[in-house]
């Protein structure tokens, strides 16, 4: 690996530090991941991959007493009269 100096704004540094802490990785690792993502051609990214979808992280984040919520979400969200 090569060592470099990098200048960040105060806000960038604070947000990078917070994100690295939240993800339990070093700031250097987070920067390397961001650079890899930036340098990877769009054609080689796994955008169609379920795990690359940012909404994947919220699956299972909410519990409900309704047992058929995933199947009948329109009924509960919009009170669908056709259901």
Protein backbone atom coordinates (compact mmCIF):
# COMPACT_ATOMS: atom_id res chain seq x y z
CA UNK A 1 0.00 0.00 0.00
CA UNK A 2 1.02 3.59 -0.54
CA UNK A 3 0.63 6.29 2.08
CA UNK A 4 -0.83 9.62 0.93
CA UNK A 5 -1.85 12.90 2.54
CA UNK A 6 -5.41 13.98 1.96
CA UNK A 7 -7.11 17.26 2.80
CA UNK A 8 -10.77 17.11 3.83
CA UNK A 9 -13.20 19.76 4.97
CA UNK A 10 -14.18 19.65 8.63
CA UNK A 11 -17.60 18.31 7.63
CA UNK A 12 -16.13 15.60 5.40
CA UNK A 13 -13.76 14.51 8.16
CA UNK A 14 -16.51 14.41 10.78
CA UNK A 15 -18.89 12.43 8.55
CA UNK A 16 -16.15 10.04 7.44
CA UNK A 17 -15.14 9.45 11.05
CA UNK A 18 -18.77 8.84 12.10
CA UNK A 19 -19.40 6.46 9.20
CA UNK A 20 -16.20 4.51 9.88
CA UNK A 21 -17.14 4.22 13.57
CA UNK A 22 -20.67 3.09 12.69
CA UNK A 23 -19.36 0.50 10.20
CA UNK A 24 -16.63 -0.58 12.65
CA UNK A 25 -13.83 -0.05 10.11
CA UNK A 26 -10.96 2.40 9.86
CA UNK A 27 -11.32 5.68 8.03
CA UNK A 28 -8.58 4.50 5.66
CA UNK A 29 -10.56 1.37 4.78
CA UNK A 30 -13.67 3.44 4.18
CA UNK A 31 -11.75 5.77 1.85
CA UNK A 32 -10.27 2.78 -0.03
CA UNK A 33 -13.78 1.29 -0.44
CA UNK A 34 -15.11 4.61 -1.75
CA UNK A 35 -12.23 4.90 -4.22
CA UNK A 36 -12.79 1.31 -5.42
CA UNK A 37 -16.48 2.06 -5.94
CA UNK A 38 -15.65 5.26 -7.81
CA UNK A 39 -13.11 3.53 -10.06
CA UNK A 40 -15.23 0.46 -10.84
CA UNK A 41 -16.92 0.87 -14.22
CA UNK A 42 -20.70 0.97 -13.96
CA UNK A 43 -20.92 -2.04 -16.25
CA UNK A 44 -19.04 -4.17 -13.69
CA UNK A 45 -21.01 -3.06 -10.64
CA UNK A 46 -23.55 -5.42 -9.15
CA UNK A 47 -26.44 -2.94 -9.30
CA UNK A 48 -28.86 -5.78 -9.99
CA UNK A 49 -27.67 -7.65 -6.93
CA UNK A 50 -30.18 -7.62 -4.06
CA UNK A 51 -27.45 -7.01 -1.51
CA UNK A 52 -26.24 -3.86 -3.30
CA UNK A 53 -29.69 -2.26 -2.97
CA UNK A 54 -29.55 0.36 -0.19
CA UNK A 55 -33.07 -0.61 0.87
CA UNK A 56 -31.88 -4.16 1.62
CA UNK A 57 -30.61 -2.95 4.99
CA UNK A 58 -34.10 -2.08 6.21
CA UNK A 59 -35.55 -5.55 5.61
CA UNK A 60 -36.77 -6.86 8.93
CA UNK A 61 -36.28 -3.53 10.68
CA UNK A 62 -39.96 -3.27 11.61
CA UNK A 63 -42.20 -5.76 13.33
CA UNK A 64 -45.98 -5.90 13.00
CA UNK A 65 -48.79 -7.80 14.64
CA UNK A 66 -50.22 -8.39 11.17
CA UNK A 67 -49.02 -11.78 9.89
CA UNK A 68 -49.82 -11.08 6.22
CA UNK A 69 -48.26 -7.61 6.00
CA UNK A 70 -45.77 -8.46 3.25
CA UNK A 71 -48.47 -10.01 1.08
CA UNK A 72 -51.20 -7.43 1.70
CA UNK A 73 -49.16 -4.25 2.20
CA UNK A 74 -51.44 -2.20 -0.10
CA UNK A 75 -54.41 -3.03 2.09
CA UNK A 76 -52.60 -1.74 5.18
CA UNK A 77 -50.90 1.22 3.56
CA UNK A 78 -53.71 2.50 1.36
CA UNK A 79 -56.79 0.71 2.67
CA UNK A 80 -57.15 -0.81 -0.81
CA UNK A 81 -60.87 -1.26 -1.52
CA UNK A 82 -60.11 -3.93 -4.13
CA UNK A 83 -58.61 -6.31 -1.62
